[in-house]
Amino acid sequence: MLDSIRETRAVRDGLHNIMLEIPEEIYKTFYDNISEANALDILKQYLNYHQDDAVPKDVKIRHNSNAHTVNIYANLHYLGNDKTRPRYYADDVIDGG
């Protein structure tokens, strides 16, 4: 799923914003309902996957049935955060061949 996400970021008055756009059918493969708890889970996985130490706040989720997408919006906070340990996923394996 993480490979199917389109990301848009912006910085306004020093506050970092992120929007993740997920195809509706892929979202529904992993989650039964559209909720802010699921949005936070996806966002944390996405940030961890990209080794981004931001702390997400003000997480919102919207279903765009016309475009068949699920959009996650959040503010990202970087100052005062502890470094996180990177986690590795099965699809991260590097082919040594």
PDB file of N, CA and C in Angstrom:
ATOM      1  N   MET A   1       0.813  -1.197   0.000  1.00  0.00           N
ATOM      2  CA  MET A   1       0.000   0.000   0.000  1.00  0.00           C
ATOM      3  C   MET A   1       0.857   1.262   0.000  1.00  0.00           C
ATOM      4  N   LEU A   2       1.968   1.266   0.724  1.00  0.00           N
ATOM      5  CA  LEU A   2       2.780   2.471   0.849  1.00  0.00           C
ATOM      6  C   LEU A   2       3.320   2.950  -0.489  1.00  0.00           C
ATOM      7  N   ASP A   3       3.505   2.034  -1.427  1.00  0.00           N
ATOM      8  CA  ASP A   3       3.990   2.406  -2.752  1.00  0.00           C
ATOM      9  C   ASP A   3       2.911   3.068  -3.608  1.00  0.00           C
ATOM     10  N   SER A   4       1.659   2.955  -3.202  1.00  0.00           N
ATOM     11  CA  SER A   4       0.540   3.497  -3.980  1.00  0.00           C
ATOM     12  C   SER A   4       0.115   4.890  -3.519  1.00  0.00           C
ATOM     13  N   ILE A   5       0.814   5.441  -2.569  1.00  0.00           N
ATOM     14  CA  ILE A   5       0.438   6.730  -1.981  1.00  0.00           C
ATOM     15  C   ILE A   5       1.129   7.867  -2.719  1.00  0.00           C
ATOM     16  N   ARG A   6       0.336   8.903  -3.022  1.00  0.00           N
ATOM     17  CA  ARG A   6       0.899  10.130  -3.593  1.00  0.00           C
ATOM     18  C   ARG A   6       0.978  11.162  -2.468  1.00  0.00           C
ATOM     19  N   GLU A   7       2.121  11.799  -2.343  1.00  0.00           N
ATOM     20  CA  GLU A   7       2.380  12.736  -1.253  1.00  0.00           C
ATOM     21  C   GLU A   7       2.501  14.160  -1.779  1.00  0.00           C
ATOM     22  N   THR A   8       1.927  15.101  -1.039  1.00  0.00           N
ATOM     23  CA  THR A   8       2.108  16.520  -1.298  1.00  0.00           C
ATOM     24  C   THR A   8       2.457  17.180   0.034  1.00  0.00           C
ATOM     25  N   ARG A   9       3.501  17.997   0.023  1.00  0.00           N
ATOM     26  CA  ARG A   9       3.909  18.717   1.241  1.00  0.00           C
ATOM     27  C   ARG A   9       3.974  20.210   0.972  1.00  0.00           C
ATOM     28  N   ALA A  10       3.791  20.968   2.045  1.00  0.00           N
ATOM     29  CA  ALA A  10       3.914  22.424   1.979  1.00  0.00           C
ATOM     30  C   ALA A  10       4.355  22.929   3.348  1.00  0.00           C
ATOM     31  N   VAL A  11       4.959  24.099   3.356  1.00  0.00           N
ATOM     32  CA  VAL A  11       5.336  24.760   4.606  1.00  0.00           C
ATOM     33  C   VAL A  11       4.695  26.133   4.593  1.00  0.00           C
ATOM     34  N   ARG A  12       3.902  26.413   5.618  1.00  0.00           N
ATOM     35  CA  ARG A  12       3.246  27.721   5.753  1.00  0.00           C
ATOM     36  C   ARG A  12       3.533  28.270   7.139  1.00  0.00           C
ATOM     37  N   ASP A  13       4.150  29.422   7.186  1.00  0.00           N
ATOM     38  CA  ASP A  13       4.506  30.069   8.453  1.00  0.00           C
ATOM     39  C   ASP A  13       5.272  29.130   9.378  1.00  0.00           C
ATOM     40  N   GLY A  14       6.177  28.335   8.808  1.00  0.00           N
ATOM     41  CA  GLY A  14       7.002  27.427   9.585  1.00  0.00           C
ATOM     42  C   GLY A  14       6.342  26.110   9.955  1.00  0.00           C
ATOM     43  N   LEU A  15       5.072  25.936   9.618  1.00  0.00           N
ATOM     44  CA  LEU A  15       4.366  24.697   9.928  1.00  0.00           C
ATOM     45  C   LEU A  15       4.341  23.809   8.697  1.00  0.00           C
ATOM     46  N   HIS A  16       4.798  22.598   8.848  1.00  0.00           N
ATOM     47  CA  HIS A  16       4.838  21.640   7.747  1.00  0.00           C
ATOM     48  C   HIS A  16       3.493  20.926   7.636  1.00  0.00           C
ATOM     49  N   ASN A  17       2.977  20.840   6.422  1.00  0.00           N
ATOM     50  CA  ASN A  17       1.718  20.147   6.151  1.00  0.00           C
ATOM     51  C   ASN A  17       1.976  19.024   5.173  1.00  0.00           C
ATOM     52  N   ILE A  18       1.215  17.943   5.307  1.00  0.00           N
ATOM     53  CA  ILE A  18       1.325  16.822   4.386  1.00  0.00           C
ATOM     54  C   ILE A  18      -0.075  16.377   3.982  1.00  0.00           C
ATOM     55  N   MET A  19      -0.189  15.939   2.734  1.00  0.00           N
ATOM     56  CA  MET A  19      -1.427  15.335   2.253  1.00  0.00           C
ATOM     57  C   MET A  19      -1.044  14.045   1.543  1.00  0.00           C
ATOM     58  N   LEU A  20      -1.649  12.957   1.958  1.00  0.00           N
ATOM     59  CA  LEU A  20      -1.442  11.669   1.320  1.00  0.00           C
ATOM     60  C   LEU A  20      -2.709  11.298   0.568  1.00  0.00           C
ATOM     61  N   GLU A  21      -2.559  10.891  -0.677  1.00  0.00           N
ATOM     62  CA  GLU A  21      -3.691  10.487  -1.500  1.00  0.00           C
ATOM     63  C   GLU A  21      -3.541   8.998  -1.816  1.00  0.00           C
ATOM     64  N   ILE A  22      -4.554   8.219  -1.421  1.00  0.00           N
ATOM     65  CA  ILE A  22      -4.518   6.769  -1.573  1.00  0.00           C
ATOM     66  C   ILE A  22      -5.688   6.347  -2.460  1.00  0.00           C
ATOM     67  N   PRO A  23      -5.449   5.501  -3.450  1.00  0.00           N
ATOM     68  CA  PRO A  23      -6.575   4.993  -4.240  1.00  0.00           C
ATOM     69  C   PRO A  23      -7.575   4.264  -3.329  1.00  0.00           C
ATOM     70  N   GLU A  24      -8.839   4.548  -3.541  1.00  0.00           N
ATOM     71  CA  GLU A  24      -9.921   4.012  -2.709  1.00  0.00           C
ATOM     72  C   GLU A  24      -9.867   2.484  -2.602  1.00  0.00           C
ATOM     73  N   GLU A  25      -9.659   1.797  -3.699  1.00  0.00           N
ATOM     74  CA  GLU A  25      -9.677   0.332  -3.676  1.00  0.00           C
ATOM     75  C   GLU A  25      -8.513  -0.234  -2.875  1.00  0.00           C
ATOM     76  N   ILE A  26      -7.380   0.442  -2.886  1.00  0.00           N
ATOM     77  CA  ILE A  26      -6.241  -0.022  -2.098  1.00  0.00           C
ATOM     78  C   ILE A  26      -6.488   0.230  -0.613  1.00  0.00           C
ATOM     79  N   TYR A  27      -7.041   1.386  -0.268  1.00  0.00           N
ATOM     80  CA  TYR A  27      -7.377   1.677   1.127  1.00  0.00           C
ATOM     81  C   TYR A  27      -8.324   0.606   1.662  1.00  0.00           C
ATOM     82  N   LYS A  28      -9.360   0.283   0.896  1.00  0.00           N
ATOM     83  CA  LYS A  28     -10.373  -0.682   1.343  1.00  0.00           C
ATOM     84  C   LYS A  28      -9.838  -2.104   1.433  1.00  0.00           C
ATOM     85  N   THR A  29      -8.718  -2.377   0.789  1.00  0.00           N
ATOM     86  CA  THR A  29      -8.078  -3.685   0.908  1.00  0.00           C
ATOM     87  C   THR A  29      -7.542  -3.898   2.318  1.00  0.00           C
ATOM     88  N   PHE A  30      -7.109  -2.816   2.971  1.00  0.00           N
ATOM     89  CA  PHE A  30      -6.480  -2.909   4.281  1.00  0.00           C
ATOM     90  C   PHE A  30      -7.363  -2.461   5.438  1.00  0.00           C
ATOM     91  N   TYR A  31      -8.330  -1.585   5.179  1.00  0.00           N
ATOM     92  CA  TYR A  31      -9.161  -1.024   6.250  1.00  0.00           C
ATOM     93  C   TYR A  31     -10.637  -1.126   5.888  1.00  0.00           C
ATOM     94  N   ASP A  32     -11.451  -1.449   6.901  1.00  0.00           N
ATOM     95  CA  ASP A  32     -12.900  -1.593   6.692  1.00  0.00           C
ATOM     96  C   ASP A  32     -13.645  -0.266   6.685  1.00  0.00           C
ATOM     97  N   ASN A  33     -13.142   0.696   7.442  1.00  0.00           N
ATOM     98  CA  ASN A  33     -13.846   1.975   7.517  1.00  0.00           C
ATOM     99  C   ASN A  33     -12.859   3.133   7.419  1.00  0.00           C
ATOM    100  N   ILE A  34     -13.394   4.299   7.140  1.00  0.00           N
ATOM    101  CA  ILE A  34     -12.579   5.508   7.026  1.00  0.00           C
ATOM    102  C   ILE A  34     -12.662   6.237   8.365  1.00  0.00           C
ATOM    103  N   SER A  35     -11.527   6.291   9.057  1.00  0.00           N
ATOM    104  CA  SER A  35     -11.511   6.912  10.383  1.00  0.00           C
ATOM    105  C   SER A  35     -10.187   7.629  10.598  1.00  0.00           C
ATOM    106  N   GLU A  36     -10.190   8.557  11.539  1.00  0.00           N
ATOM    107  CA  GLU A  36      -8.961   9.280  11.852  1.00  0.00           C
ATOM    108  C   GLU A  36      -7.924   8.368  12.504  1.00  0.00           C
ATOM    109  N   ALA A  37      -8.379   7.336  13.214  1.00  0.00           N
ATOM    110  CA  ALA A  37      -7.444   6.367  13.804  1.00  0.00           C
ATOM    111  C   ALA A  37      -6.703   5.619  12.695  1.00  0.00           C
ATOM    112  N   ASN A  38      -7.433   5.205  11.656  1.00  0.00           N
ATOM    113  CA  ASN A  38      -6.785   4.544  10.519  1.00  0.00           C
ATOM    114  C   ASN A  38      -5.850   5.503   9.793  1.00  0.00           C
ATOM    115  N   ALA A  39      -6.268   6.757   9.665  1.00  0.00           N
ATOM    116  CA  ALA A  39      -5.437   7.759   8.997  1.00  0.00           C
ATOM    117  C   ALA A  39      -4.120   7.947   9.746  1.00  0.00           C
ATOM    118  N   LEU A  40      -4.181   8.021  11.062  1.00  0.00           N
ATOM    119  CA  LEU A  40      -2.969   8.178  11.861  1.00  0.00           C
ATOM    120  C   LEU A  40      -2.071   6.955  11.718  1.00  0.00           C
ATOM    121  N   ASP A  41      -2.670   5.762  11.696  1.00  0.00           N
ATOM    122  CA  ASP A  41      -1.901   4.538  11.512  1.00  0.00           C
ATOM    123  C   ASP A  41      -1.163   4.548  10.174  1.00  0.00           C
ATOM    124  N   ILE A  42      -1.860   4.894   9.115  1.00  0.00           N
ATOM    125  CA  ILE A  42      -1.248   4.950   7.784  1.00  0.00           C
ATOM    126  C   ILE A  42      -0.136   5.994   7.752  1.00  0.00           C
ATOM    127  N   LEU A  43      -0.415   7.162   8.300  1.00  0.00           N
ATOM    128  CA  LEU A  43       0.566   8.248   8.285  1.00  0.00           C
ATOM    129  C   LEU A  43       1.829   7.866   9.051  1.00  0.00           C
ATOM    130  N   LYS A  44       1.674   7.249  10.215  1.00  0.00           N
ATOM    131  CA  LYS A  44       2.849   6.821  10.982  1.00  0.00           C
ATOM    132  C   LYS A  44       3.661   5.782  10.216  1.00  0.00           C
ATOM    133  N   GLN A  45       2.972   4.823   9.579  1.00  0.00           N
ATOM    134  CA  GLN A  45       3.675   3.824   8.774  1.00  0.00           C
ATOM    135  C   GLN A  45       4.413   4.492   7.611  1.00  0.00           C
ATOM    136  N   TYR A  46       3.743   5.426   6.961  1.00  0.00           N
ATOM    137  CA  TYR A  46       4.324   6.112   5.807  1.00  0.00           C
ATOM    138  C   TYR A  46       5.573   6.896   6.217  1.00  0.00           C
ATOM    139  N   LEU A  47       5.472   7.660   7.302  1.00  0.00           N
ATOM    140  CA  LEU A  47       6.617   8.442   7.762  1.00  0.00           C
ATOM    141  C   LEU A  47       7.766   7.526   8.169  1.00  0.00           C
ATOM    142  N   ASN A  48       7.463   6.457   8.866  1.00  0.00           N
ATOM    143  CA  ASN A  48       8.491   5.510   9.282  1.00  0.00           C
ATOM    144  C   ASN A  48       9.160   4.862   8.070  1.00  0.00           C
ATOM    145  N   TYR A  49       8.360   4.478   7.095  1.00  0.00           N
ATOM    146  CA  TYR A  49       8.873   3.851   5.878  1.00  0.00           C
ATOM    147  C   TYR A  49       9.884   4.758   5.172  1.00  0.00           C
ATOM    148  N   HIS A  50       9.624   6.066   5.229  1.00  0.00           N
ATOM    149  CA  HIS A  50      10.517   7.046   4.593  1.00  0.00           C
ATOM    150  C   HIS A  50      11.526   7.628   5.577  1.00  0.00           C
ATOM    151  N   GLN A  51      11.638   7.032   6.753  1.00  0.00           N
ATOM    152  CA  GLN A  51      12.558   7.450   7.808  1.00  0.00           C
ATOM    153  C   GLN A  51      12.451   8.940   8.106  1.00  0.00           C
ATOM    154  N   ASP A  52      11.225   9.398   8.228  1.00  0.00           N
ATOM    155  CA  ASP A  52      10.900  10.791   8.518  1.00  0.00           C
ATOM    156  C   ASP A  52      10.529  10.885   9.990  1.00  0.00           C
ATOM    157  N   ASP A  53      11.238  11.713  10.755  1.00  0.00           N
ATOM    158  CA  ASP A  53      11.050  11.806  12.199  1.00  0.00           C
ATOM    159  C   ASP A  53       9.941  12.759  12.634  1.00  0.00           C
ATOM    160  N   ALA A  54       9.128  13.209  11.725  1.00  0.00           N
ATOM    161  CA  ALA A  54       8.063  14.149  12.079  1.00  0.00           C
ATOM    162  C   ALA A  54       7.048  13.498  13.015  1.00  0.00           C
ATOM    163  N   VAL A  55       6.461  14.338  13.862  1.00  0.00           N
ATOM    164  CA  VAL A  55       5.352  13.904  14.718  1.00  0.00           C
ATOM    165  C   VAL A  55       4.073  14.485  14.110  1.00  0.00           C
ATOM    166  N   PRO A  56       3.153  13.624  13.645  1.00  0.00           N
ATOM    167  CA  PRO A  56       1.927  14.126  13.018  1.00  0.00           C
ATOM    168  C   PRO A  56       0.917  14.605  14.057  1.00  0.00           C
ATOM    169  N   LYS A  57       0.263  15.700  13.762  1.00  0.00           N
ATOM    170  CA  LYS A  57      -0.789  16.273  14.620  1.00  0.00           C
ATOM    171  C   LYS A  57      -1.930  16.735  13.717  1.00  0.00           C
ATOM    172  N   ASP A  58      -3.095  16.917  14.308  1.00  0.00           N
ATOM    173  CA  ASP A  58      -4.271  17.435  13.594  1.00  0.00           C
ATOM    174  C   ASP A  58      -4.579  16.599  12.348  1.00  0.00           C
ATOM    175  N   VAL A  59      -4.608  15.292  12.508  1.00  0.00           N
ATOM    176  CA  VAL A  59      -4.819  14.374  11.386  1.00  0.00           C
ATOM    177  C   VAL A  59      -6.294  14.340  11.002  1.00  0.00           C
ATOM    178  N   LYS A  60      -6.556  14.516   9.728  1.00  0.00           N
ATOM    179  CA  LYS A  60      -7.924  14.480   9.175  1.00  0.00           C
ATOM    180  C   LYS A  60      -7.936  13.527   7.996  1.00  0.00           C
ATOM    181  N   ILE A  61      -9.083  12.927   7.737  1.00  0.00           N
ATOM    182  CA  ILE A  61      -9.226  12.025   6.603  1.00  0.00           C
ATOM    183  C   ILE A  61     -10.496  12.375   5.846  1.00  0.00           C
ATOM    184  N   ARG A  62     -10.418  12.318   4.538  1.00  0.00           N
ATOM    185  CA  ARG A  62     -11.565  12.633   3.678  1.00  0.00           C
ATOM    186  C   ARG A  62     -11.655  11.594   2.574  1.00  0.00           C
ATOM    187  N   HIS A  63     -12.872  11.160   2.291  1.00  0.00           N
ATOM    188  CA  HIS A  63     -13.109  10.230   1.183  1.00  0.00           C
ATOM    189  C   HIS A  63     -13.665  11.034   0.021  1.00  0.00           C
ATOM    190  N   ASN A  64     -12.974  11.019  -1.106  1.00  0.00           N
ATOM    191  CA  ASN A  64     -13.438  11.694  -2.308  1.00  0.00           C
ATOM    192  C   ASN A  64     -14.012  10.620  -3.228  1.00  0.00           C
ATOM    193  N   SER A  65     -15.325  10.414  -3.142  1.00  0.00           N
ATOM    194  CA  SER A  65     -15.954   9.338  -3.911  1.00  0.00           C
ATOM    195  C   SER A  65     -15.946   9.630  -5.408  1.00  0.00           C
ATOM    196  N   ASN A  66     -15.911  10.903  -5.806  1.00  0.00           N
ATOM    197  CA  ASN A  66     -15.860  11.238  -7.231  1.00  0.00           C
ATOM    198  C   ASN A  66     -14.519  10.851  -7.855  1.00  0.00           C
ATOM    199  N   ALA A  67     -13.437  11.083  -7.124  1.00  0.00           N
ATOM    200  CA  ALA A  67     -12.093  10.760  -7.617  1.00  0.00           C
ATOM    201  C   ALA A  67     -11.647   9.359  -7.203  1.00  0.00           C
ATOM    202  N   HIS A  68     -12.448   8.691  -6.358  1.00  0.00           N
ATOM    203  CA  HIS A  68     -12.136   7.347  -5.853  1.00  0.00           C
ATOM    204  C   HIS A  68     -10.801   7.332  -5.108  1.00  0.00           C
ATOM    205  N   THR A  69     -10.638   8.327  -4.231  1.00  0.00           N
ATOM    206  CA  THR A  69      -9.429   8.415  -3.417  1.00  0.00           C
ATOM    207  C   THR A  69      -9.791   8.647  -1.958  1.00  0.00           C
ATOM    208  N   VAL A  70      -8.862   8.313  -1.093  1.00  0.00           N
ATOM    209  CA  VAL A  70      -8.940   8.640   0.325  1.00  0.00           C
ATOM    210  C   VAL A  70      -7.754   9.550   0.599  1.00  0.00           C
ATOM    211  N   ASN A  71      -8.026  10.729   1.159  1.00  0.00           N
ATOM    212  CA  ASN A  71      -6.980  11.729   1.396  1.00  0.00           C
ATOM    213  C   ASN A  71      -6.777  11.928   2.895  1.00  0.00           C
ATOM    214  N   ILE A  72      -5.517  11.945   3.296  1.00  0.00           N
ATOM    215  CA  ILE A  72      -5.143  12.157   4.689  1.00  0.00           C
ATOM    216  C   ILE A  72      -4.381  13.470   4.769  1.00  0.00           C
ATOM    217  N   TYR A  73      -4.804  14.338   5.692  1.00  0.00           N
ATOM    218  CA  TYR A  73      -4.177  15.647   5.892  1.00  0.00           C
ATOM    219  C   TYR A  73      -3.637  15.705   7.315  1.00  0.00           C
ATOM    220  N   ALA A  74      -2.458  16.314   7.489  1.00  0.00           N
ATOM    221  CA  ALA A  74      -1.896  16.450   8.830  1.00  0.00           C
ATOM    222  C   ALA A  74      -0.858  17.559   8.862  1.00  0.00           C
ATOM    223  N   ASN A  75      -0.600  18.042  10.064  1.00  0.00           N
ATOM    224  CA  ASN A  75       0.518  18.934  10.318  1.00  0.00           C
ATOM    225  C   ASN A  75       1.658  18.068  10.836  1.00  0.00           C
ATOM    226  N   LEU A  76       2.872  18.391  10.424  1.00  0.00           N
ATOM    227  CA  LEU A  76       4.045  17.645  10.856  1.00  0.00           C
ATOM    228  C   LEU A  76       4.929  18.541  11.709  1.00  0.00           C
ATOM    229  N   HIS A  77       5.306  18.041  12.886  1.00  0.00           N
ATOM    230  CA  HIS A  77       6.152  18.797  13.802  1.00  0.00           C
ATOM    231  C   HIS A  77       7.516  18.119  13.890  1.00  0.00           C
ATOM    232  N   TYR A  78       8.572  18.910  13.704  1.00  0.00           N
ATOM    233  CA  TYR A  78       9.933  18.388  13.704  1.00  0.00           C
ATOM    234  C   TYR A  78      10.752  18.834  14.909  1.00  0.00           C
ATOM    235  N   LEU A  79      10.502  19.993  15.454  1.00  0.00           N
ATOM    236  CA  LEU A  79      11.327  20.529  16.534  1.00  0.00           C
ATOM    237  C   LEU A  79      11.053  19.798  17.840  1.00  0.00           C
ATOM    238  N   GLY A  80      12.138  19.455  18.555  1.00  0.00           N
ATOM    239  CA  GLY A  80      12.010  18.815  19.857  1.00  0.00           C
ATOM    240  C   GLY A  80      11.693  17.330  19.800  1.00  0.00           C
ATOM    241  N   ASN A  81      11.775  16.721  18.615  1.00  0.00           N
ATOM    242  CA  ASN A  81      11.489  15.296  18.490  1.00  0.00           C
ATOM    243  C   ASN A  81      12.742  14.472  18.759  1.00  0.00           C
ATOM    244  N   ASP A  82      12.523  13.281  19.294  1.00  0.00           N
ATOM    245  CA  ASP A  82      13.620  12.332  19.433  1.00  0.00           C
ATOM    246  C   ASP A  82      13.813  11.620  18.111  1.00  0.00           C
ATOM    247  N   LYS A  83      15.041  11.204  17.846  1.00  0.00           N
ATOM    248  CA  LYS A  83      15.301  10.394  16.658  1.00  0.00           C
ATOM    249  C   LYS A  83      14.578   9.064  16.821  1.00  0.00           C
ATOM    250  N   THR A  84      13.942   8.609  15.766  1.00  0.00           N
ATOM    251  CA  THR A  84      13.280   7.313  15.810  1.00  0.00           C
ATOM    252  C   THR A  84      14.166   6.272  15.163  1.00  0.00           C
ATOM    253  N   ARG A  85      13.980   5.032  15.566  1.00  0.00           N
ATOM    254  CA  ARG A  85      14.739   3.937  14.967  1.00  0.00           C
ATOM    255  C   ARG A  85      14.027   3.516  13.690  1.00  0.00           C
ATOM    256  N   PRO A  86      14.749   3.394  12.596  1.00  0.00           N
ATOM    257  CA  PRO A  86      14.100   2.965  11.357  1.00  0.00           C
ATOM    258  C   PRO A  86      13.645   1.519  11.455  1.00  0.00           C
ATOM    259  N   ARG A  87      12.499   1.235  10.871  1.00  0.00           N
ATOM    260  CA  ARG A  87      12.008  -0.128  10.763  1.00  0.00           C
ATOM    261  C   ARG A  87      12.120  -0.522   9.312  1.00  0.00           C
ATOM    262  N   TYR A  88      12.311  -1.778   9.095  1.00  0.00           N
ATOM    263  CA  TYR A  88      12.475  -2.248   7.737  1.00  0.00           C
ATOM    264  C   TYR A  88      11.320  -3.163   7.363  1.00  0.00           C
ATOM    265  N   TYR A  89      10.911  -3.089   6.131  1.00  0.00           N
ATOM    266  CA  TYR A  89       9.787  -3.856   5.611  1.00  0.00           C
ATOM    267  C   TYR A  89      10.301  -4.878   4.608  1.00  0.00           C
ATOM    268  N   ALA A  90       9.527  -5.927   4.403  1.00  0.00           N
ATOM    269  CA  ALA A  90       9.948  -7.021   3.526  1.00  0.00           C
ATOM    270  C   ALA A  90      10.302  -6.539   2.119  1.00  0.00           C
ATOM    271  N   ASP A  91       9.618  -5.529   1.611  1.00  0.00           N
ATOM    272  CA  ASP A  91       9.901  -5.073   0.246  1.00  0.00           C
ATOM    273  C   ASP A  91      11.119  -4.147   0.170  1.00  0.00           C
ATOM    274  N   ASP A  92      11.806  -3.951   1.285  1.00  0.00           N
ATOM    275  CA  ASP A  92      13.022  -3.146   1.309  1.00  0.00           C
ATOM    276  C   ASP A  92      14.273  -3.955   0.981  1.00  0.00           C
ATOM    277  N   VAL A  93      14.134  -5.263   0.806  1.00  0.00           N
ATOM    278  CA  VAL A  93      15.290  -6.123   0.600  1.00  0.00           C
ATOM    279  C   VAL A  93      16.016  -5.711  -0.672  1.00  0.00           C
ATOM    280  N   ILE A  94      17.319  -5.534  -0.552  1.00  0.00           N
ATOM    281  CA  ILE A  94      18.146  -5.127  -1.691  1.00  0.00           C
ATOM    282  C   ILE A  94      18.676  -6.388  -2.359  1.00  0.00           C
ATOM    283  N   ASP A  95      18.537  -6.435  -3.653  1.00  0.00           N
ATOM    284  CA  ASP A  95      19.016  -7.574  -4.422  1.00  0.00           C
ATOM    285  C   ASP A  95      20.536  -7.485  -4.516  1.00  0.00           C
ATOM    286  N   GLY A  96      21.220  -8.437  -3.904  1.00  0.00           N
ATOM    287  CA  GLY A  96      22.673  -8.438  -3.900  1.00  0.00           C
ATOM    288  C   GLY A  96      23.280  -9.129  -5.103  1.00  0.00           C
ATOM    289  N   GLY A  97      22.417  -9.533  -6.069  1.00  0.00           N
ATOM    290  CA  GLY A  97      22.863 -10.294  -7.219  1.00  0.00           C
ATOM    291  C   GLY A  97      23.669  -9.521  -8.151  1.00  0.00           C
TER     292      GLY A  97
END
